[in-house]
């Protein structure tokens, strides 16, 4: 009985460590996203200022920079907020499907 109690404690500790590692990973991704967002905002502001100074919006070429940053930030936001078309449940179902398929072959 004593051995089972220790293994449950060890299992709880491992789960807590894994949860902590997952939380740290999520926080790091969010931090990277917010850092990229801030950097993009300052860069766009500077490029837009240069664009205005050079030709006073007659040719708003700075919008290409905005477009590029928007695409990049979109994908970083998807990653930071764990949005995925292929969720963990989907992955697990597919793995089970392939394992079951292999069993019957």
N, C-alpha and C. Protein backbone atom coordinates (compact mmCIF):
# COMPACT_ATOMS: atom_id res chain seq x y z
N UNK A 1 0.81 -1.19 0.00
CA UNK A 1 0.00 0.00 0.00
C UNK A 1 0.87 1.26 0.00
N UNK A 2 1.95 1.20 0.75
CA UNK A 2 2.85 2.36 0.85
C UNK A 2 3.48 2.68 -0.51
N UNK A 3 3.85 1.66 -1.28
CA UNK A 3 4.46 1.85 -2.59
C UNK A 3 3.51 2.52 -3.56
N UNK A 4 2.21 2.14 -3.51
CA UNK A 4 1.22 2.76 -4.39
C UNK A 4 1.06 4.24 -4.07
N UNK A 5 1.09 4.56 -2.78
CA UNK A 5 0.93 5.95 -2.35
C UNK A 5 2.08 6.81 -2.89
N UNK A 6 3.31 6.26 -2.82
CA UNK A 6 4.47 7.00 -3.34
C UNK A 6 4.39 7.18 -4.84
N UNK A 7 3.90 6.14 -5.55
CA UNK A 7 3.83 6.26 -7.01
C UNK A 7 2.78 7.29 -7.42
N UNK A 8 1.68 7.38 -6.65
CA UNK A 8 0.68 8.41 -6.94
C UNK A 8 1.27 9.80 -6.73
N UNK A 9 2.06 9.98 -5.67
CA UNK A 9 2.70 11.27 -5.42
C UNK A 9 3.68 11.61 -6.54
N UNK A 10 4.47 10.64 -6.94
CA UNK A 10 5.44 10.86 -8.02
C UNK A 10 4.70 11.20 -9.31
N UNK A 11 3.60 10.52 -9.57
CA UNK A 11 2.81 10.79 -10.77
C UNK A 11 2.23 12.21 -10.71
N UNK A 12 1.73 12.62 -9.55
CA UNK A 12 1.20 13.98 -9.38
C UNK A 12 2.29 15.02 -9.62
N UNK A 13 3.48 14.75 -9.09
CA UNK A 13 4.60 15.69 -9.27
C UNK A 13 4.96 15.79 -10.75
N UNK A 14 5.02 14.66 -11.45
CA UNK A 14 5.33 14.68 -12.88
C UNK A 14 4.27 15.45 -13.66
N UNK A 15 3.00 15.25 -13.32
CA UNK A 15 1.93 15.97 -14.01
C UNK A 15 2.02 17.46 -13.73
N UNK A 16 2.35 17.82 -12.49
CA UNK A 16 2.49 19.25 -12.16
C UNK A 16 3.66 19.87 -12.90
N UNK A 17 4.77 19.14 -13.00
CA UNK A 17 5.93 19.64 -13.73
C UNK A 17 5.61 19.80 -15.21
N UNK A 18 4.88 18.84 -15.77
CA UNK A 18 4.50 18.93 -17.18
C UNK A 18 3.55 20.10 -17.40
N UNK A 19 2.61 20.31 -16.47
CA UNK A 19 1.68 21.43 -16.59
C UNK A 19 2.43 22.75 -16.49
N UNK A 20 3.41 22.82 -15.59
CA UNK A 20 4.21 24.04 -15.45
C UNK A 20 5.01 24.31 -16.72
N UNK A 21 5.59 23.27 -17.29
CA UNK A 21 6.35 23.42 -18.54
C UNK A 21 5.45 23.89 -19.67
N UNK A 22 4.24 23.33 -19.76
CA UNK A 22 3.28 23.75 -20.78
C UNK A 22 2.90 25.22 -20.59
N UNK A 23 2.64 25.60 -19.33
CA UNK A 23 2.26 26.99 -19.04
C UNK A 23 3.39 27.95 -19.41
N UNK A 24 4.63 27.58 -19.08
CA UNK A 24 5.77 28.43 -19.43
C UNK A 24 5.91 28.58 -20.94
N UNK A 25 5.66 27.48 -21.66
CA UNK A 25 5.76 27.52 -23.11
C UNK A 25 4.70 28.45 -23.70
N UNK A 26 3.47 28.38 -23.18
CA UNK A 26 2.39 29.25 -23.65
C UNK A 26 2.71 30.72 -23.36
N UNK A 27 3.21 30.99 -22.15
CA UNK A 27 3.54 32.37 -21.78
C UNK A 27 4.66 32.90 -22.68
N UNK A 28 5.64 32.05 -22.99
CA UNK A 28 6.74 32.47 -23.87
C UNK A 28 6.22 32.81 -25.27
N UNK A 29 5.27 32.00 -25.79
CA UNK A 29 4.70 32.28 -27.11
C UNK A 29 3.90 33.58 -27.09
N UNK A 30 3.13 33.81 -26.02
CA UNK A 30 2.39 35.07 -25.92
C UNK A 30 3.34 36.26 -25.84
N UNK A 31 4.39 36.11 -25.06
CA UNK A 31 5.38 37.19 -24.92
C UNK A 31 6.02 37.49 -26.28
N UNK A 32 6.38 36.45 -27.01
CA UNK A 32 6.97 36.65 -28.34
C UNK A 32 5.97 37.34 -29.28
N UNK A 33 4.70 36.95 -29.19
CA UNK A 33 3.69 37.58 -30.05
C UNK A 33 3.55 39.06 -29.71
N UNK A 34 3.43 39.39 -28.42
CA UNK A 34 3.28 40.80 -28.04
C UNK A 34 4.52 41.61 -28.38
N UNK A 35 5.69 41.00 -28.27
CA UNK A 35 6.92 41.69 -28.65
C UNK A 35 6.92 41.97 -30.16
N UNK A 36 6.50 41.00 -30.94
CA UNK A 36 6.43 41.18 -32.39
C UNK A 36 5.39 42.23 -32.76
N UNK A 37 4.27 42.23 -32.06
CA UNK A 37 3.21 43.21 -32.32
C UNK A 37 3.70 44.63 -32.04
N UNK A 38 4.40 44.81 -30.93
CA UNK A 38 4.94 46.13 -30.58
C UNK A 38 5.99 46.56 -31.59
N UNK A 39 6.86 45.66 -31.95
CA UNK A 39 7.90 45.96 -32.93
C UNK A 39 7.29 46.34 -34.28
N UNK A 40 6.27 45.61 -34.70
CA UNK A 40 5.62 45.90 -35.97
C UNK A 40 4.95 47.26 -35.94
N UNK A 41 4.30 47.59 -34.82
CA UNK A 41 3.63 48.89 -34.71
C UNK A 41 4.63 50.04 -34.84
N UNK A 42 5.77 49.93 -34.15
CA UNK A 42 6.77 50.99 -34.24
C UNK A 42 7.37 51.07 -35.65
N UNK A 43 7.63 49.93 -36.25
CA UNK A 43 8.19 49.92 -37.60
C UNK A 43 7.23 50.55 -38.60
N UNK A 44 5.95 50.19 -38.52
CA UNK A 44 4.96 50.76 -39.43
C UNK A 44 4.85 52.26 -39.22
N UNK A 45 4.89 52.69 -37.98
CA UNK A 45 4.83 54.13 -37.69
C UNK A 45 5.99 54.87 -38.33
N UNK A 46 7.19 54.33 -38.21
CA UNK A 46 8.37 54.96 -38.80
C UNK A 46 8.29 54.96 -40.33
N UNK A 47 7.93 53.81 -40.91
CA UNK A 47 7.85 53.71 -42.37
C UNK A 47 6.75 54.63 -42.91
N UNK A 48 5.62 54.71 -42.21
CA UNK A 48 4.53 55.60 -42.64
C UNK A 48 4.97 57.06 -42.55
N UNK A 49 5.73 57.38 -41.53
CA UNK A 49 6.24 58.75 -41.40
C UNK A 49 7.18 59.09 -42.55
N UNK A 50 8.05 58.16 -42.89
CA UNK A 50 8.97 58.38 -44.01
C UNK A 50 8.18 58.52 -45.30
N UNK A 51 7.16 57.66 -45.47
CA UNK A 51 6.32 57.73 -46.66
C UNK A 51 5.63 59.10 -46.76
N UNK A 52 5.13 59.59 -45.67
CA UNK A 52 4.46 60.90 -45.68
C UNK A 52 5.47 62.02 -45.98
N UNK A 53 6.64 61.94 -45.37
CA UNK A 53 7.66 62.97 -45.57
C UNK A 53 8.14 63.00 -47.02
N UNK A 54 8.28 61.83 -47.64
CA UNK A 54 8.80 61.75 -49.00
C UNK A 54 7.78 62.22 -50.02
N UNK A 55 6.52 61.75 -49.92
CA UNK A 55 5.57 62.11 -50.99
C UNK A 55 4.16 62.45 -50.48
N UNK A 56 4.01 62.71 -49.23
CA UNK A 56 2.74 63.14 -48.63
C UNK A 56 1.55 62.30 -49.08
N UNK A 57 1.68 61.00 -48.97
CA UNK A 57 0.63 60.02 -49.25
C UNK A 57 0.22 59.93 -50.73
N UNK A 58 0.94 60.57 -51.63
CA UNK A 58 0.55 60.45 -53.04
C UNK A 58 0.72 59.01 -53.53
N UNK A 59 1.66 58.31 -52.94
CA UNK A 59 1.85 56.88 -53.23
C UNK A 59 2.07 56.18 -51.88
N UNK A 60 1.01 55.58 -51.32
CA UNK A 60 1.13 54.98 -49.98
C UNK A 60 1.81 53.61 -49.99
N UNK A 61 3.09 53.59 -50.32
CA UNK A 61 3.82 52.34 -50.40
C UNK A 61 4.04 51.69 -49.05
N UNK A 62 3.88 52.42 -47.96
CA UNK A 62 4.07 51.84 -46.63
C UNK A 62 3.03 50.75 -46.34
N UNK A 63 1.91 50.77 -47.11
CA UNK A 63 0.88 49.75 -46.90
C UNK A 63 1.39 48.35 -47.23
N UNK A 64 2.41 48.24 -48.08
CA UNK A 64 3.01 46.93 -48.35
C UNK A 64 3.69 46.39 -47.09
N UNK A 65 4.29 47.28 -46.34
CA UNK A 65 4.91 46.88 -45.07
C UNK A 65 3.84 46.42 -44.09
N UNK A 66 2.74 47.16 -44.03
CA UNK A 66 1.61 46.79 -43.17
C UNK A 66 1.08 45.41 -43.57
N UNK A 67 0.94 45.19 -44.86
CA UNK A 67 0.45 43.91 -45.36
C UNK A 67 1.36 42.75 -44.94
N UNK A 68 2.65 42.94 -45.10
CA UNK A 68 3.62 41.89 -44.71
C UNK A 68 3.58 41.60 -43.23
N UNK A 69 3.58 42.66 -42.41
CA UNK A 69 3.50 42.46 -40.97
C UNK A 69 2.18 41.81 -40.57
N UNK A 70 1.10 42.15 -41.24
CA UNK A 70 -0.20 41.59 -40.91
C UNK A 70 -0.22 40.07 -41.11
N UNK A 71 0.34 39.63 -42.20
CA UNK A 71 0.40 38.18 -42.46
C UNK A 71 1.24 37.49 -41.38
N UNK A 72 2.38 38.05 -41.10
CA UNK A 72 3.27 37.47 -40.09
C UNK A 72 2.60 37.44 -38.72
N UNK A 73 1.98 38.54 -38.32
CA UNK A 73 1.34 38.60 -37.01
C UNK A 73 0.12 37.69 -36.92
N UNK A 74 -0.57 37.49 -38.03
CA UNK A 74 -1.72 36.59 -38.04
C UNK A 74 -1.29 35.18 -37.65
N UNK A 75 -0.22 34.69 -38.28
CA UNK A 75 0.24 33.34 -37.99
C UNK A 75 0.85 33.23 -36.59
N UNK A 76 1.51 34.28 -36.14
CA UNK A 76 2.05 34.26 -34.77
C UNK A 76 0.91 34.27 -33.74
N UNK A 77 -0.17 34.98 -34.04
CA UNK A 77 -1.32 35.00 -33.13
C UNK A 77 -1.98 33.63 -33.07
N UNK A 78 -2.10 32.97 -34.21
CA UNK A 78 -2.66 31.62 -34.21
C UNK A 78 -1.85 30.69 -33.32
N UNK A 79 -0.55 30.80 -33.42
CA UNK A 79 0.33 29.96 -32.61
C UNK A 79 0.27 30.35 -31.14
N UNK A 80 0.28 31.65 -30.86
CA UNK A 80 0.28 32.12 -29.47
C UNK A 80 -0.99 31.75 -28.73
N UNK A 81 -2.11 31.79 -29.42
CA UNK A 81 -3.39 31.50 -28.78
C UNK A 81 -3.87 30.07 -29.03
N UNK A 82 -2.95 29.22 -29.48
CA UNK A 82 -3.22 27.80 -29.68
C UNK A 82 -4.45 27.52 -30.53
N UNK A 83 -4.65 28.32 -31.56
CA UNK A 83 -5.75 28.06 -32.47
C UNK A 83 -5.21 27.21 -33.61
N UNK A 84 -5.85 26.07 -33.80
CA UNK A 84 -5.41 25.18 -34.85
C UNK A 84 -6.60 24.42 -35.40
N UNK A 85 -6.63 24.26 -36.70
CA UNK A 85 -7.67 23.46 -37.33
C UNK A 85 -7.48 22.00 -36.91
N UNK A 86 -6.22 21.61 -36.75
CA UNK A 86 -5.89 20.25 -36.38
C UNK A 86 -5.57 20.20 -34.89
N UNK A 87 -6.59 20.05 -34.06
CA UNK A 87 -6.43 20.05 -32.62
C UNK A 87 -5.83 18.73 -32.12
N UNK A 88 -5.55 18.68 -30.83
CA UNK A 88 -5.03 17.46 -30.22
C UNK A 88 -6.01 16.31 -30.39
N UNK A 89 -7.31 16.60 -30.24
CA UNK A 89 -8.32 15.55 -30.40
C UNK A 89 -8.27 14.97 -31.81
N UNK A 90 -8.12 15.83 -32.80
CA UNK A 90 -8.03 15.38 -34.18
C UNK A 90 -6.81 14.47 -34.36
N UNK A 91 -5.67 14.92 -33.80
CA UNK A 91 -4.44 14.13 -33.90
C UNK A 91 -4.62 12.75 -33.28
N UNK A 92 -5.22 12.72 -32.09
CA UNK A 92 -5.42 11.45 -31.40
C UNK A 92 -6.37 10.53 -32.18
N UNK A 93 -7.43 11.08 -32.76
CA UNK A 93 -8.35 10.28 -33.56
C UNK A 93 -7.65 9.69 -34.78
N UNK A 94 -6.81 10.51 -35.44
CA UNK A 94 -6.09 10.04 -36.62
C UNK A 94 -5.09 8.95 -36.26
N UNK A 95 -4.39 9.13 -35.16
CA UNK A 95 -3.43 8.11 -34.72
C UNK A 95 -4.16 6.80 -34.44
N UNK A 96 -5.27 6.90 -33.72
CA UNK A 96 -6.07 5.70 -33.41
C UNK A 96 -6.56 5.05 -34.70
N UNK A 97 -7.00 5.88 -35.65
CA UNK A 97 -7.49 5.35 -36.93
C UNK A 97 -6.40 4.58 -37.65
N UNK A 98 -5.18 5.12 -37.70
CA UNK A 98 -4.09 4.44 -38.39
C UNK A 98 -3.65 3.18 -37.65
N UNK A 99 -3.66 3.21 -36.34
CA UNK A 99 -3.31 2.02 -35.57
C UNK A 99 -4.34 0.92 -35.81
N UNK A 100 -5.63 1.29 -35.76
CA UNK A 100 -6.68 0.31 -36.02
C UNK A 100 -6.57 -0.25 -37.45
N UNK A 101 -6.23 0.60 -38.40
CA UNK A 101 -6.09 0.17 -39.79
C UNK A 101 -4.94 -0.84 -39.93
N UNK A 102 -3.84 -0.59 -39.22
CA UNK A 102 -2.69 -1.48 -39.26
C UNK A 102 -3.00 -2.84 -38.60
N UNK A 103 -3.84 -2.83 -37.58
CA UNK A 103 -4.20 -4.07 -36.88
C UNK A 103 -4.94 -5.02 -37.82
N UNK A 104 -5.79 -4.47 -38.66
CA UNK A 104 -6.62 -5.29 -39.53
C UNK A 104 -5.92 -5.69 -40.83
N UNK A 105 -4.74 -5.17 -41.08
CA UNK A 105 -4.00 -5.53 -42.30
C UNK A 105 -3.03 -6.65 -42.06
